[in-house]
N, C-alpha and C. Protein backbone atom coordinates (compact mmCIF):
# COMPACT_ATOMS: atom_id res chain seq x y z
N GLN A 1 -13.87 14.32 0.04
CA GLN A 1 -12.49 14.11 -0.39
C GLN A 1 -11.72 13.35 0.67
N VAL A 2 -10.79 12.55 0.19
CA VAL A 2 -9.91 11.78 1.07
C VAL A 2 -8.47 12.08 0.66
N GLN A 3 -7.63 12.35 1.63
CA GLN A 3 -6.22 12.60 1.35
C GLN A 3 -5.39 11.46 1.92
N LEU A 4 -4.42 11.05 1.13
CA LEU A 4 -3.54 9.94 1.50
C LEU A 4 -2.10 10.38 1.36
N VAL A 5 -1.31 10.19 2.41
CA VAL A 5 0.09 10.59 2.37
C VAL A 5 0.95 9.43 2.82
N GLU A 6 1.75 8.92 1.89
CA GLU A 6 2.62 7.79 2.19
C GLU A 6 3.97 8.25 2.74
N SER A 7 4.61 7.35 3.45
CA SER A 7 5.97 7.57 3.91
C SER A 7 6.59 6.21 4.22
N GLY A 8 7.88 6.24 4.48
CA GLY A 8 8.55 5.01 4.91
C GLY A 8 9.34 4.29 3.86
N GLY A 9 9.31 4.78 2.63
CA GLY A 9 10.11 4.14 1.59
C GLY A 9 11.59 4.38 1.81
N GLY A 10 12.40 3.68 1.05
CA GLY A 10 13.84 3.86 1.17
C GLY A 10 14.57 2.76 0.43
N LEU A 11 15.88 2.73 0.66
CA LEU A 11 16.73 1.73 0.06
C LEU A 11 16.99 0.63 1.09
N VAL A 12 16.66 -0.58 0.73
CA VAL A 12 16.80 -1.72 1.63
C VAL A 12 17.48 -2.86 0.88
N GLN A 13 18.40 -3.53 1.52
CA GLN A 13 19.09 -4.66 0.89
C GLN A 13 18.15 -5.85 0.76
N ALA A 14 18.40 -6.65 -0.24
CA ALA A 14 17.59 -7.85 -0.45
C ALA A 14 17.57 -8.71 0.81
N GLY A 15 16.39 -9.19 1.13
CA GLY A 15 16.22 -9.98 2.34
C GLY A 15 15.78 -9.16 3.53
N GLY A 16 15.86 -7.87 3.41
CA GLY A 16 15.49 -6.98 4.51
C GLY A 16 13.99 -6.74 4.58
N SER A 17 13.63 -5.87 5.53
CA SER A 17 12.21 -5.56 5.76
C SER A 17 12.02 -4.05 5.80
N LEU A 18 10.78 -3.67 5.57
CA LEU A 18 10.43 -2.26 5.54
C LEU A 18 8.95 -2.15 5.85
N ARG A 19 8.57 -1.06 6.50
CA ARG A 19 7.15 -0.81 6.69
C ARG A 19 6.81 0.55 6.11
N VAL A 20 5.92 0.56 5.15
CA VAL A 20 5.46 1.83 4.59
C VAL A 20 4.14 2.20 5.23
N SER A 21 3.94 3.50 5.37
CA SER A 21 2.77 4.01 6.07
C SER A 21 1.96 4.92 5.16
N CYS A 22 0.71 5.06 5.51
CA CYS A 22 -0.19 5.95 4.77
C CYS A 22 -1.10 6.62 5.78
N VAL A 23 -0.91 7.92 5.94
CA VAL A 23 -1.77 8.69 6.83
C VAL A 23 -2.97 9.17 6.03
N VAL A 24 -4.11 8.91 6.58
CA VAL A 24 -5.37 9.19 5.89
C VAL A 24 -6.11 10.33 6.57
N SER A 25 -6.70 11.21 5.79
CA SER A 25 -7.51 12.29 6.35
C SER A 25 -8.67 12.57 5.40
N GLY A 26 -9.62 13.36 5.91
CA GLY A 26 -10.78 13.70 5.10
C GLY A 26 -11.99 12.86 5.45
N ASN A 27 -12.91 12.80 4.54
CA ASN A 27 -14.18 12.11 4.77
C ASN A 27 -14.04 10.63 4.40
N ILE A 28 -13.67 9.84 5.37
CA ILE A 28 -13.38 8.43 5.10
C ILE A 28 -14.53 7.50 5.46
N ALA A 29 -15.64 8.08 5.90
CA ALA A 29 -16.74 7.26 6.40
C ALA A 29 -17.27 6.29 5.34
N ARG A 30 -17.21 6.68 4.08
CA ARG A 30 -17.78 5.83 3.03
C ARG A 30 -16.76 4.91 2.36
N ILE A 31 -15.52 5.00 2.78
CA ILE A 31 -14.50 4.17 2.16
C ILE A 31 -14.75 2.71 2.51
N THR A 32 -14.71 1.83 1.50
CA THR A 32 -14.99 0.42 1.71
C THR A 32 -13.74 -0.46 1.58
N THR A 33 -12.76 0.01 0.83
CA THR A 33 -11.55 -0.78 0.64
C THR A 33 -10.34 0.13 0.68
N TRP A 34 -9.31 -0.35 1.38
CA TRP A 34 -8.00 0.30 1.43
C TRP A 34 -7.00 -0.62 0.74
N GLY A 35 -6.04 0.00 0.09
CA GLY A 35 -5.10 -0.87 -0.61
C GLY A 35 -3.75 -0.22 -0.85
N TRP A 36 -2.83 -1.07 -1.24
CA TRP A 36 -1.49 -0.65 -1.67
C TRP A 36 -1.25 -1.17 -3.08
N TYR A 37 -0.83 -0.26 -3.94
CA TYR A 37 -0.41 -0.60 -5.29
C TYR A 37 1.08 -0.28 -5.42
N ARG A 38 1.68 -0.80 -6.47
CA ARG A 38 3.04 -0.43 -6.77
C ARG A 38 3.23 -0.33 -8.28
N GLN A 39 4.19 0.50 -8.65
CA GLN A 39 4.54 0.65 -10.05
C GLN A 39 6.05 0.63 -10.18
N ALA A 40 6.53 -0.41 -10.82
CA ALA A 40 7.96 -0.54 -11.07
C ALA A 40 8.31 0.22 -12.35
N PRO A 41 9.58 0.58 -12.51
CA PRO A 41 9.99 1.31 -13.72
C PRO A 41 9.62 0.55 -14.98
N GLY A 42 8.92 1.23 -15.88
CA GLY A 42 8.55 0.64 -17.14
C GLY A 42 7.41 -0.36 -17.09
N LYS A 43 6.77 -0.45 -15.94
CA LYS A 43 5.68 -1.43 -15.80
C LYS A 43 4.38 -0.73 -15.39
N ARG A 44 3.30 -1.47 -15.52
CA ARG A 44 2.01 -0.94 -15.14
C ARG A 44 1.83 -0.99 -13.62
N ARG A 45 0.99 -0.10 -13.12
CA ARG A 45 0.69 -0.12 -11.70
C ARG A 45 -0.12 -1.38 -11.38
N GLU A 46 0.23 -2.02 -10.27
CA GLU A 46 -0.45 -3.25 -9.90
C GLU A 46 -0.85 -3.23 -8.44
N LEU A 47 -1.94 -3.92 -8.15
CA LEU A 47 -2.38 -4.06 -6.77
C LEU A 47 -1.51 -5.10 -6.07
N VAL A 48 -1.00 -4.77 -4.90
CA VAL A 48 -0.25 -5.75 -4.13
C VAL A 48 -1.02 -6.26 -2.93
N ALA A 49 -1.83 -5.40 -2.32
CA ALA A 49 -2.58 -5.84 -1.16
C ALA A 49 -3.77 -4.91 -0.94
N SER A 50 -4.85 -5.49 -0.45
CA SER A 50 -6.01 -4.67 -0.12
C SER A 50 -6.71 -5.25 1.10
N ILE A 51 -7.46 -4.39 1.76
CA ILE A 51 -8.22 -4.82 2.92
C ILE A 51 -9.53 -4.06 2.94
N THR A 52 -10.63 -4.77 3.16
CA THR A 52 -11.92 -4.12 3.26
C THR A 52 -12.15 -3.63 4.69
N THR A 53 -13.14 -2.80 4.84
CA THR A 53 -13.47 -2.33 6.19
C THR A 53 -13.98 -3.48 7.05
N GLY A 54 -14.36 -4.57 6.41
CA GLY A 54 -14.77 -5.75 7.15
C GLY A 54 -13.62 -6.66 7.52
N GLY A 55 -12.41 -6.29 7.07
CA GLY A 55 -11.22 -7.05 7.44
C GLY A 55 -10.79 -8.11 6.45
N ASN A 56 -11.45 -8.21 5.32
CA ASN A 56 -11.05 -9.19 4.32
C ASN A 56 -9.85 -8.67 3.55
N THR A 57 -8.83 -9.51 3.42
CA THR A 57 -7.61 -9.11 2.75
C THR A 57 -7.42 -9.86 1.44
N ASN A 58 -6.66 -9.24 0.57
CA ASN A 58 -6.35 -9.84 -0.72
C ASN A 58 -4.91 -9.46 -1.06
N TYR A 59 -4.14 -10.43 -1.55
CA TYR A 59 -2.73 -10.17 -1.88
C TYR A 59 -2.42 -10.67 -3.29
N GLU A 60 -1.56 -9.95 -3.95
CA GLU A 60 -1.01 -10.42 -5.21
C GLU A 60 -0.17 -11.64 -4.93
N ALA A 61 -0.18 -12.60 -5.83
CA ALA A 61 0.42 -13.91 -5.55
C ALA A 61 1.88 -13.84 -5.13
N SER A 62 2.66 -12.98 -5.77
CA SER A 62 4.10 -12.98 -5.49
C SER A 62 4.46 -12.36 -4.15
N VAL A 63 3.51 -11.72 -3.50
CA VAL A 63 3.82 -11.07 -2.22
C VAL A 63 3.07 -11.70 -1.06
N LYS A 64 2.23 -12.66 -1.35
CA LYS A 64 1.29 -13.16 -0.35
C LYS A 64 1.95 -13.60 0.95
N ASP A 65 3.10 -14.20 0.90
CA ASP A 65 3.74 -14.70 2.12
C ASP A 65 4.76 -13.73 2.69
N ARG A 66 4.87 -12.55 2.06
CA ARG A 66 5.91 -11.61 2.49
C ARG A 66 5.36 -10.25 2.90
N PHE A 67 4.19 -9.89 2.37
CA PHE A 67 3.60 -8.58 2.66
C PHE A 67 2.41 -8.75 3.58
N THR A 68 2.23 -7.79 4.47
CA THR A 68 1.05 -7.79 5.33
C THR A 68 0.45 -6.40 5.36
N ILE A 69 -0.82 -6.31 5.02
CA ILE A 69 -1.54 -5.04 5.10
C ILE A 69 -2.30 -5.01 6.41
N SER A 70 -2.27 -3.87 7.05
CA SER A 70 -2.97 -3.74 8.32
C SER A 70 -4.20 -2.87 8.12
N PRO A 71 -5.21 -3.07 8.95
CA PRO A 71 -6.38 -2.19 8.87
C PRO A 71 -6.04 -0.80 9.38
N LEU A 72 -6.86 0.15 9.05
CA LEU A 72 -6.67 1.51 9.51
C LEU A 72 -6.67 1.54 11.04
N ASP A 73 -5.66 2.18 11.61
CA ASP A 73 -5.60 2.18 13.07
C ASP A 73 -6.22 3.45 13.65
N ALA A 74 -6.11 3.60 14.96
CA ALA A 74 -6.76 4.72 15.64
C ALA A 74 -6.19 6.07 15.23
N LYS A 75 -5.00 6.05 14.64
CA LYS A 75 -4.40 7.30 14.17
C LYS A 75 -4.65 7.50 12.68
N ASN A 76 -5.62 6.74 12.15
CA ASN A 76 -5.95 6.84 10.72
C ASN A 76 -4.73 6.59 9.84
N THR A 77 -3.97 5.58 10.22
CA THR A 77 -2.79 5.21 9.46
C THR A 77 -2.92 3.77 8.98
N LEU A 78 -2.58 3.58 7.72
CA LEU A 78 -2.59 2.27 7.08
C LEU A 78 -1.13 1.86 6.89
N TYR A 79 -0.83 0.60 7.14
CA TYR A 79 0.54 0.14 7.01
C TYR A 79 0.63 -1.03 6.02
N LEU A 80 1.79 -1.13 5.41
CA LEU A 80 2.14 -2.31 4.63
C LEU A 80 3.51 -2.78 5.11
N GLN A 81 3.52 -3.92 5.77
CA GLN A 81 4.78 -4.52 6.21
C GLN A 81 5.32 -5.38 5.08
N ILE A 82 6.58 -5.11 4.72
CA ILE A 82 7.19 -5.81 3.59
C ILE A 82 8.41 -6.56 4.12
N ASN A 83 8.39 -7.86 4.01
CA ASN A 83 9.50 -8.69 4.48
C ASN A 83 10.17 -9.41 3.31
N SER A 84 11.35 -9.92 3.56
CA SER A 84 12.09 -10.69 2.56
C SER A 84 12.12 -9.98 1.21
N LEU A 85 12.54 -8.72 1.27
CA LEU A 85 12.53 -7.90 0.06
C LEU A 85 13.41 -8.48 -1.04
N ARG A 86 12.93 -8.30 -2.26
CA ARG A 86 13.64 -8.77 -3.45
C ARG A 86 13.86 -7.59 -4.39
N PRO A 87 14.87 -7.68 -5.25
CA PRO A 87 15.07 -6.58 -6.22
C PRO A 87 13.81 -6.28 -7.03
N GLU A 88 13.02 -7.30 -7.33
CA GLU A 88 11.81 -7.07 -8.13
C GLU A 88 10.70 -6.36 -7.35
N ASP A 89 10.91 -6.14 -6.07
CA ASP A 89 9.97 -5.34 -5.29
C ASP A 89 10.22 -3.84 -5.45
N THR A 90 11.31 -3.49 -6.11
CA THR A 90 11.62 -2.08 -6.34
C THR A 90 10.49 -1.42 -7.12
N ALA A 91 9.93 -0.36 -6.54
CA ALA A 91 8.79 0.29 -7.16
C ALA A 91 8.39 1.50 -6.32
N VAL A 92 7.53 2.32 -6.89
CA VAL A 92 6.85 3.33 -6.10
C VAL A 92 5.58 2.68 -5.55
N TYR A 93 5.40 2.78 -4.25
CA TYR A 93 4.25 2.18 -3.59
C TYR A 93 3.21 3.26 -3.29
N TYR A 94 1.99 3.00 -3.73
CA TYR A 94 0.90 3.97 -3.61
C TYR A 94 -0.18 3.45 -2.68
N CYS A 95 -0.63 4.34 -1.85
CA CYS A 95 -1.79 4.06 -1.00
C CYS A 95 -3.05 4.39 -1.80
N HIS A 96 -4.09 3.61 -1.59
CA HIS A 96 -5.31 3.75 -2.39
C HIS A 96 -6.52 3.51 -1.51
N SER A 97 -7.59 4.24 -1.80
CA SER A 97 -8.85 3.97 -1.11
C SER A 97 -9.98 4.01 -2.12
N TYR A 98 -11.02 3.23 -1.84
CA TYR A 98 -12.13 3.08 -2.78
C TYR A 98 -13.45 3.15 -2.05
N GLU A 99 -14.35 3.94 -2.62
CA GLU A 99 -15.69 4.09 -2.06
C GLU A 99 -16.67 3.41 -3.01
N LEU A 100 -17.18 2.28 -2.58
CA LEU A 100 -18.05 1.47 -3.44
C LEU A 100 -19.32 2.18 -3.85
N THR A 101 -19.97 2.88 -2.93
CA THR A 101 -21.30 3.44 -3.21
C THR A 101 -21.29 4.46 -4.35
N ARG A 102 -20.21 5.21 -4.46
CA ARG A 102 -20.15 6.23 -5.51
C ARG A 102 -19.06 5.93 -6.54
N GLY A 103 -18.37 4.82 -6.35
CA GLY A 103 -17.34 4.47 -7.32
C GLY A 103 -16.17 5.42 -7.35
N LEU A 104 -15.86 6.02 -6.20
CA LEU A 104 -14.75 6.98 -6.13
C LEU A 104 -13.50 6.31 -5.60
N GLU A 105 -12.39 6.74 -6.10
CA GLU A 105 -11.12 6.24 -5.59
C GLU A 105 -10.16 7.40 -5.39
N TYR A 106 -9.24 7.19 -4.46
CA TYR A 106 -8.27 8.21 -4.09
C TYR A 106 -6.88 7.59 -4.04
N TRP A 107 -5.89 8.43 -4.39
CA TRP A 107 -4.51 7.96 -4.43
C TRP A 107 -3.59 8.89 -3.66
N GLY A 108 -2.56 8.31 -3.07
CA GLY A 108 -1.47 9.12 -2.56
C GLY A 108 -0.47 9.37 -3.67
N ILE A 109 0.60 10.09 -3.34
CA ILE A 109 1.61 10.42 -4.35
C ILE A 109 2.70 9.38 -4.42
N GLY A 110 2.71 8.45 -3.47
CA GLY A 110 3.64 7.34 -3.54
C GLY A 110 4.90 7.52 -2.72
N THR A 111 5.50 6.39 -2.41
CA THR A 111 6.79 6.38 -1.72
C THR A 111 7.65 5.31 -2.39
N LEU A 112 8.91 5.66 -2.66
CA LEU A 112 9.79 4.78 -3.44
C LEU A 112 10.50 3.78 -2.54
N VAL A 113 10.41 2.52 -2.93
CA VAL A 113 11.16 1.45 -2.28
C VAL A 113 12.15 0.90 -3.28
N THR A 114 13.41 0.88 -2.89
CA THR A 114 14.46 0.41 -3.78
C THR A 114 15.20 -0.74 -3.13
N VAL A 115 15.30 -1.84 -3.86
CA VAL A 115 16.02 -3.02 -3.38
C VAL A 115 17.09 -3.33 -4.42
N PRO A 116 18.33 -2.97 -4.17
CA PRO A 116 19.37 -3.18 -5.18
C PRO A 116 19.66 -4.66 -5.39
N SER A 117 20.00 -4.98 -6.64
CA SER A 117 20.32 -6.38 -6.96
C SER A 117 21.79 -6.68 -6.75
């Protein structure tokens, strides 16, 4: 089992920045990909950024130049740096991990980011 706990969400004015965090615990040895998803009100959950244990990153097109995902650090924390926030970035942001060998995935409970228009 892998546990993921997000924090760092909040209300930020358009153009501002925010860093959301995900503290990871449990048996992470087999995890192959870490990621951040978001779900805006009335919309489907979408992948915004991911990083493999080999360091390969992938970003959703609308965030590519504004979001940065970091690899898991020595404190088992994953970060998503969000810059130049827009109202359309308003969503619950979820931390995610995926284990390729067994096809298992894990989710946090999310942290809300609000960017008023």
